[in-house]
C-alpha atoms as a PDB file:
ATOM      1  CA  LEU A   1      25.263  20.045 -23.973  1.00  0.00           C
ATOM      2  CA  SER A   2      22.356  18.373 -22.124  1.00  0.00           C
ATOM      3  CA  VAL A   3      24.272  15.074 -21.963  1.00  0.00           C
ATOM      4  CA  LEU A   4      27.205  16.876 -20.355  1.00  0.00           C
ATOM      5  CA  ALA A   5      24.899  18.459 -17.766  1.00  0.00           C
ATOM      6  CA  GLN A   6      23.459  15.060 -16.872  1.00  0.00           C
ATOM      7  CA  GLU A   7      26.937  13.636 -16.335  1.00  0.00           C
ATOM      8  CA  ARG A   8      27.991  16.431 -13.974  1.00  0.00           C
ATOM      9  CA  PHE A   9      24.947  16.625 -11.733  1.00  0.00           C
ATOM     10  CA  SER A  10      22.900  14.115  -9.842  1.00  0.00           C
ATOM     11  CA  PHE A  11      19.605  14.887  -8.223  1.00  0.00           C
ATOM     12  CA  THR A  12      18.011  13.317  -5.167  1.00  0.00           C
ATOM     13  CA  GLN A  13      14.472  13.806  -3.950  1.00  0.00           C
ATOM     14  CA  GLN A  14      14.276  15.733  -0.683  1.00  0.00           C
ATOM     15  CA  ILE A  15      11.004  15.393   1.206  1.00  0.00           C
ATOM     16  CA  ASN A  16      12.024  17.276   4.339  1.00  0.00           C
ATOM     17  CA  THR A  17      11.872  20.800   2.875  1.00  0.00           C
ATOM     18  CA  PRO A  18       9.147  22.707   4.753  1.00  0.00           C
ATOM     19  CA  VAL A  19       6.206  24.005   2.710  1.00  0.00           C
ATOM     20  CA  PHE A  20       3.901  26.728   3.988  1.00  0.00           C
ATOM     21  CA  HIS A  21       0.472  28.004   3.030  1.00  0.00           C
ATOM     22  CA  GLY A  22       0.417  31.415   4.621  1.00  0.00           C
ATOM     23  CA  THR A  23       1.666  30.720   8.152  1.00  0.00           C
ATOM     24  CA  ASP A  24       0.472  27.087   8.213  1.00  0.00           C
ATOM     25  CA  SER A  25       3.070  24.372   7.713  1.00  0.00           C
ATOM     26  CA  LEU A  26       1.810  21.647   5.366  1.00  0.00           C
ATOM     27  CA  LYS A  27       2.567  18.316   7.073  1.00  0.00           C
ATOM     28  CA  ASN A  28       2.629  16.035   3.997  1.00  0.00           C
ATOM     29  CA  ALA A  29       3.318  18.449   1.162  1.00  0.00           C
ATOM     30  CA  TRP A  30       5.555  15.939  -0.627  1.00  0.00           C
ATOM     31  CA  GLY A  31       3.064  13.048  -0.453  1.00  0.00           C
ATOM     32  CA  GLY A  32       1.604  13.962  -3.822  1.00  0.00           C
ATOM     33  CA  GLY A  33      -1.970  14.395  -4.949  1.00  0.00           C
ATOM     34  CA  LEU A  34      -4.443  11.522  -4.843  1.00  0.00           C
ATOM     35  CA  ASN A  35      -7.050  10.838  -7.512  1.00  0.00           C
ATOM     36  CA  TYR A  36      -8.518   7.359  -6.818  1.00  0.00           C
ATOM     37  CA  PRO A  37      -7.079   6.192  -3.487  1.00  0.00           C
ATOM     38  CA  ASN A  38      -7.795   3.166  -1.304  1.00  0.00           C
ATOM     39  CA  PHE A  39      -6.671   3.507   2.312  1.00  0.00           C
ATOM     40  CA  SER A  40      -5.528   0.722   4.627  1.00  0.00           C
ATOM     41  CA  ASN A  41      -3.778   0.409   7.971  1.00  0.00           C
ATOM     42  CA  ILE A  42      -0.626  -1.620   8.629  1.00  0.00           C
ATOM     43  CA  ASP A  43       2.329  -1.467  11.014  1.00  0.00           C
ATOM     44  CA  LEU A  44       5.028  -0.459   8.523  1.00  0.00           C
ATOM     45  CA  ASN A  45       7.986  -0.090  10.871  1.00  0.00           C
ATOM     46  CA  GLY A  46       7.202  -2.706  13.536  1.00  0.00           C
ATOM     47  CA  ASP A  47       6.690  -0.197  16.348  1.00  0.00           C
ATOM     48  CA  GLY A  48       3.267  -1.551  17.324  1.00  0.00           C
ATOM     49  CA  HIS A  49       1.345   1.464  15.964  1.00  0.00           C
ATOM     50  CA  LEU A  50      -0.899   1.207  12.921  1.00  0.00           C
ATOM     51  CA  ASP A  51       0.376   3.341  10.067  1.00  0.00           C
ATOM     52  CA  LEU A  52      -1.505   4.381   6.934  1.00  0.00           C
ATOM     53  CA  VAL A  53      -1.021   3.316   3.317  1.00  0.00           C
ATOM     54  CA  ALA A  54      -2.788   4.884   0.371  1.00  0.00           C
ATOM     55  CA  TYR A  55      -2.876   3.089  -2.961  1.00  0.00           C
ATOM     56  CA  ASP A  56      -3.762   5.424  -5.826  1.00  0.00           C
ATOM     57  CA  ARG A  57      -4.826   3.528  -8.917  1.00  0.00           C
ATOM     58  CA  SER A  58      -4.286   6.691 -10.930  1.00  0.00           C
ATOM     59  CA  GLY A  59      -0.550   6.380 -11.360  1.00  0.00           C
ATOM     60  CA  TYR A  60      -0.457   2.995  -9.541  1.00  0.00           C
ATOM     61  CA  ARG A  61       1.316   4.431  -6.508  1.00  0.00           C
ATOM     62  CA  VAL A  62       1.772   3.180  -2.969  1.00  0.00           C
ATOM     63  CA  LEU A  63       1.991   6.095  -0.522  1.00  0.00           C
ATOM     64  CA  PRO A  64       3.034   5.057   3.008  1.00  0.00           C
ATOM     65  CA  PHE A  65       2.560   7.301   6.053  1.00  0.00           C
ATOM     66  CA  ILE A  66       4.153   6.528   9.435  1.00  0.00           C
ATOM     67  CA  ASN A  67       2.050   7.187  12.528  1.00  0.00           C
ATOM     68  CA  LYS A  68       4.130   9.464  14.763  1.00  0.00           C
ATOM     69  CA  ILE A  69       2.657   9.791  18.233  1.00  0.00           C
ATOM     70  CA  GLY A  70       3.618  12.826  20.276  1.00  0.00           C
ATOM     71  CA  ASN A  71       1.844  14.557  23.151  1.00  0.00           C
ATOM     72  CA  GLY A  72      -0.980  12.022  22.830  1.00  0.00           C
ATOM     73  CA  ASP A  73      -1.684  12.966  19.210  1.00  0.00           C
ATOM     74  CA  SER A  74      -1.179  10.876  16.081  1.00  0.00           C
ATOM     75  CA  VAL A  75       0.415  12.619  13.119  1.00  0.00           C
ATOM     76  CA  TYR A  76       1.011  10.793   9.844  1.00  0.00           C
ATOM     77  CA  ARG A  77       4.287  11.529   8.023  1.00  0.00           C
ATOM     78  CA  TYR A  78       4.913  10.560   4.410  1.00  0.00           C
ATOM     79  CA  GLN A  79       7.746   7.961   4.252  1.00  0.00           C
ATOM     80  CA  PRO A  80       8.257   6.926   0.591  1.00  0.00           C
ATOM     81  CA  GLU A  81      11.057   4.456   1.387  1.00  0.00           C
ATOM     82  CA  PHE A  82       8.446   1.931   2.623  1.00  0.00           C
ATOM     83  CA  ALA A  83       6.767   1.833  -0.810  1.00  0.00           C
ATOM     84  CA  ASN A  84       9.532  -0.387  -2.199  1.00  0.00           C
ATOM     85  CA  ALA A  85       8.518  -3.228   0.146  1.00  0.00           C
ATOM     86  CA  PHE A  86       5.186  -3.650  -1.674  1.00  0.00           C
ATOM     87  CA  PRO A  87       5.718  -6.237  -4.472  1.00  0.00           C
ATOM     88  CA  LEU A  88       3.080  -4.863  -6.812  1.00  0.00           C
ATOM     89  CA  PRO A  89       3.222  -4.481 -10.561  1.00  0.00           C
ATOM     90  CA  LYS A  90       3.986  -0.896 -11.515  1.00  0.00           C
ATOM     91  CA  GLU A  91       0.858  -0.700 -13.657  1.00  0.00           C
ATOM     92  CA  ARG A  92      -2.765  -1.774 -14.021  1.00  0.00           C
ATOM     93  CA  GLY A  93      -3.814  -2.219 -10.377  1.00  0.00           C
ATOM     94  CA  SER A  94      -7.355  -1.162  -9.563  1.00  0.00           C
ATOM     95  CA  PHE A  95      -7.126  -1.653  -5.786  1.00  0.00           C
ATOM     96  CA  MET A  96      -4.881  -2.720  -2.952  1.00  0.00           C
ATOM     97  CA  LEU A  97      -6.373  -3.608   0.412  1.00  0.00           C
ATOM     98  CA  LEU A  98      -4.382  -4.622   3.480  1.00  0.00           C
ATOM     99  CA  ARG A  99      -6.143  -7.269   5.565  1.00  0.00           C
ATOM    100  CA  ASP A 100      -4.867  -9.968   7.946  1.00  0.00           C
ATOM    101  CA  TYR A 101      -6.324 -13.067   6.276  1.00  0.00           C
ATOM    102  CA  ASN A 102      -4.259 -15.662   8.179  1.00  0.00           C
ATOM    103  CA  CYS A 103      -4.755 -14.239  11.701  1.00  0.00           C
ATOM    104  CA  ASP A 104      -1.034 -13.755  12.423  1.00  0.00           C
ATOM    105  CA  GLY A 105      -1.485 -10.113  13.449  1.00  0.00           C
ATOM    106  CA  LYS A 106       0.125  -8.740  10.260  1.00  0.00           C
ATOM    107  CA  GLU A 107      -1.815  -7.228   7.378  1.00  0.00           C
ATOM    108  CA  ASP A 108      -1.470  -9.024   4.054  1.00  0.00           C
ATOM    109  CA  ILE A 109      -1.968  -7.544   0.579  1.00  0.00           C
ATOM    110  CA  PHE A 110      -5.039  -8.142  -1.587  1.00  0.00           C
ATOM    111  CA  PHE A 111      -4.259  -6.679  -5.005  1.00  0.00           C
ATOM    112  CA  ASN A 112      -6.482  -6.502  -8.073  1.00  0.00           C
ATOM    113  CA  ASP A 113      -4.774  -6.292 -11.447  1.00  0.00           C
ATOM    114  CA  GLY A 114      -7.910  -4.870 -13.042  1.00  0.00           C
ATOM    115  CA  ASN A 115      -9.736  -8.203 -13.260  1.00  0.00           C
ATOM    116  CA  PHE A 116      -8.457 -10.740 -10.745  1.00  0.00           C
ATOM    117  CA  ILE A 117      -7.151 -10.849  -7.156  1.00  0.00           C
ATOM    118  CA  PHE A 118      -3.648 -11.758  -6.058  1.00  0.00           C
ATOM    119  CA  VAL A 119      -2.621 -12.129  -2.407  1.00  0.00           C
ATOM    120  CA  PHE A 120       0.756 -11.453  -0.818  1.00  0.00           C
ATOM    121  CA  GLU A 121       1.442 -12.684   2.714  1.00  0.00           C
ATOM    122  CA  ASN A 122       3.082 -10.308   5.166  1.00  0.00           C
ATOM    123  CA  THR A 123       6.384 -11.982   6.070  1.00  0.00           C
ATOM    124  CA  SER A 124       7.818  -9.043   8.035  1.00  0.00           C
ATOM    125  CA  GLN A 125      10.301  -9.813  10.798  1.00  0.00           C
ATOM    126  CA  ASN A 126      12.314  -7.689  13.217  1.00  0.00           C
ATOM    127  CA  GLY A 127      10.739  -4.452  11.980  1.00  0.00           C
ATOM    128  CA  VAL A 128      11.629  -5.107   8.318  1.00  0.00           C
ATOM    129  CA  LEU A 129       8.572  -4.996   6.055  1.00  0.00           C
ATOM    130  CA  SER A 130       8.340  -7.815   3.491  1.00  0.00           C
ATOM    131  CA  PHE A 131       5.753  -9.797   1.531  1.00  0.00           C
ATOM    132  CA  ALA A 132       5.672 -13.113  -0.353  1.00  0.00           C
ATOM    133  CA  PRO A 133       3.192 -14.221  -3.041  1.00  0.00           C
ATOM    134  CA  VAL A 134       0.448 -16.634  -1.968  1.00  0.00           C
ATOM    135  CA  ASN A 135      -0.808 -19.439  -4.216  1.00  0.00           C
ATOM    136  CA  ASN A 136       2.526 -19.512  -6.082  1.00  0.00           C
ATOM    137  CA  GLY A 137       1.784 -15.998  -7.355  1.00  0.00           C
ATOM    138  CA  ASN A 138      -1.325 -17.214  -9.192  1.00  0.00           C
ATOM    139  CA  ARG A 139      -4.751 -15.622  -9.125  1.00  0.00           C
ATOM    140  CA  ILE A 140      -7.086 -16.460  -6.268  1.00  0.00           C
ATOM    141  CA  GLN A 141      -9.751 -18.939  -7.332  1.00  0.00           C
ATOM    142  CA  SER A 142     -13.299 -19.598  -6.182  1.00  0.00           C
ATOM    143  CA  GLN A 143     -15.234 -22.862  -6.135  1.00  0.00           C
ATOM    144  CA  TYR A 144     -18.923 -22.526  -6.883  1.00  0.00           C
ATOM    145  CA  ALA A 145     -21.846 -24.707  -5.734  1.00  0.00           C
ATOM    146  CA  SER A 146     -21.791 -26.443  -9.121  1.00  0.00           C
ATOM    147  CA  GLY A 147     -18.241 -27.623  -8.341  1.00  0.00           C
ATOM    148  CA  SER A 148     -16.613 -25.460 -11.002  1.00  0.00           C
ATOM    149  CA  ILE A 149     -13.438 -23.621 -10.045  1.00  0.00           C
ATOM    150  CA  THR A 150     -12.560 -20.346 -11.739  1.00  0.00           C
ATOM    151  CA  ASP A 151     -10.385 -17.317 -11.113  1.00  0.00           C
ATOM    152  CA  LEU A 152     -12.168 -14.901  -8.780  1.00  0.00           C
ATOM    153  CA  TYR A 153     -13.189 -11.993 -11.015  1.00  0.00           C
ATOM    154  CA  ILE A 154     -13.540  -8.466  -9.592  1.00  0.00           C
ATOM    155  CA  ALA A 155     -14.385  -5.739 -12.092  1.00  0.00           C
ATOM    156  CA  ARG A 156     -11.965  -2.847 -12.278  1.00  0.00           C
ATOM    157  CA  THR A 157     -14.711  -0.494 -11.127  1.00  0.00           C
ATOM    158  CA  ASP A 158     -15.520  -2.500  -7.966  1.00  0.00           C
ATOM    159  CA  LEU A 159     -13.969  -2.315  -4.517  1.00  0.00           C
ATOM    160  CA  PRO A 160     -14.859  -5.425  -2.516  1.00  0.00           C
ATOM    161  CA  ALA A 161     -15.170  -5.659   1.245  1.00  0.00           C
ATOM    162  CA  ILE A 162     -12.520  -8.055   2.512  1.00  0.00           C
ATOM    163  CA  ASP A 163     -13.385  -8.142   6.186  1.00  0.00           C
ATOM    164  CA  ASP A 164     -14.196 -10.439   9.100  1.00  0.00           C
ATOM    165  CA  VAL A 165     -17.863  -9.471   9.251  1.00  0.00           C
ATOM    166  CA  ASP A 166     -18.740 -11.646  12.262  1.00  0.00           C
ATOM    167  CA  GLY A 167     -15.536 -11.054  14.249  1.00  0.00           C
ATOM    168  CA  SER A 168     -14.646 -14.765  14.375  1.00  0.00           C
ATOM    169  CA  GLY A 169     -11.035 -14.271  13.264  1.00  0.00           C
END
């Protein structure tokens, strides 16, 4: 009987159903709960406004929010369709940070698989979000003063700062 029911009905996720707490409308009720999130900014839709992306390592989820500007205010709206553009493994990631490492004005992905860092370059064009693996998809390596080269290790419990600390670009 359950097989028959599955054949007759199909279900689609609807995220536009309003949810209220008392008389207050909850703006991102369908965004899901967050347990261990990292937050980063990126222009997801190419409109020139920085949007917000949360990566929750509990469940390994990418949660994109579009910055809607109206009446001078920014309001972030959950837009799950942008999550598919992020080429991340569906498991094991301990952080995802979006930083523009190549100074092209587009945030790239720094992803930790629990031990090592992988980088994906933002290759978006004409408002279509896309990424390509850097370093042939291999781990990022570091060369030490001794001359040895090894994979750059970041413990699963750490969250590094990947920033331009002196503003030099």
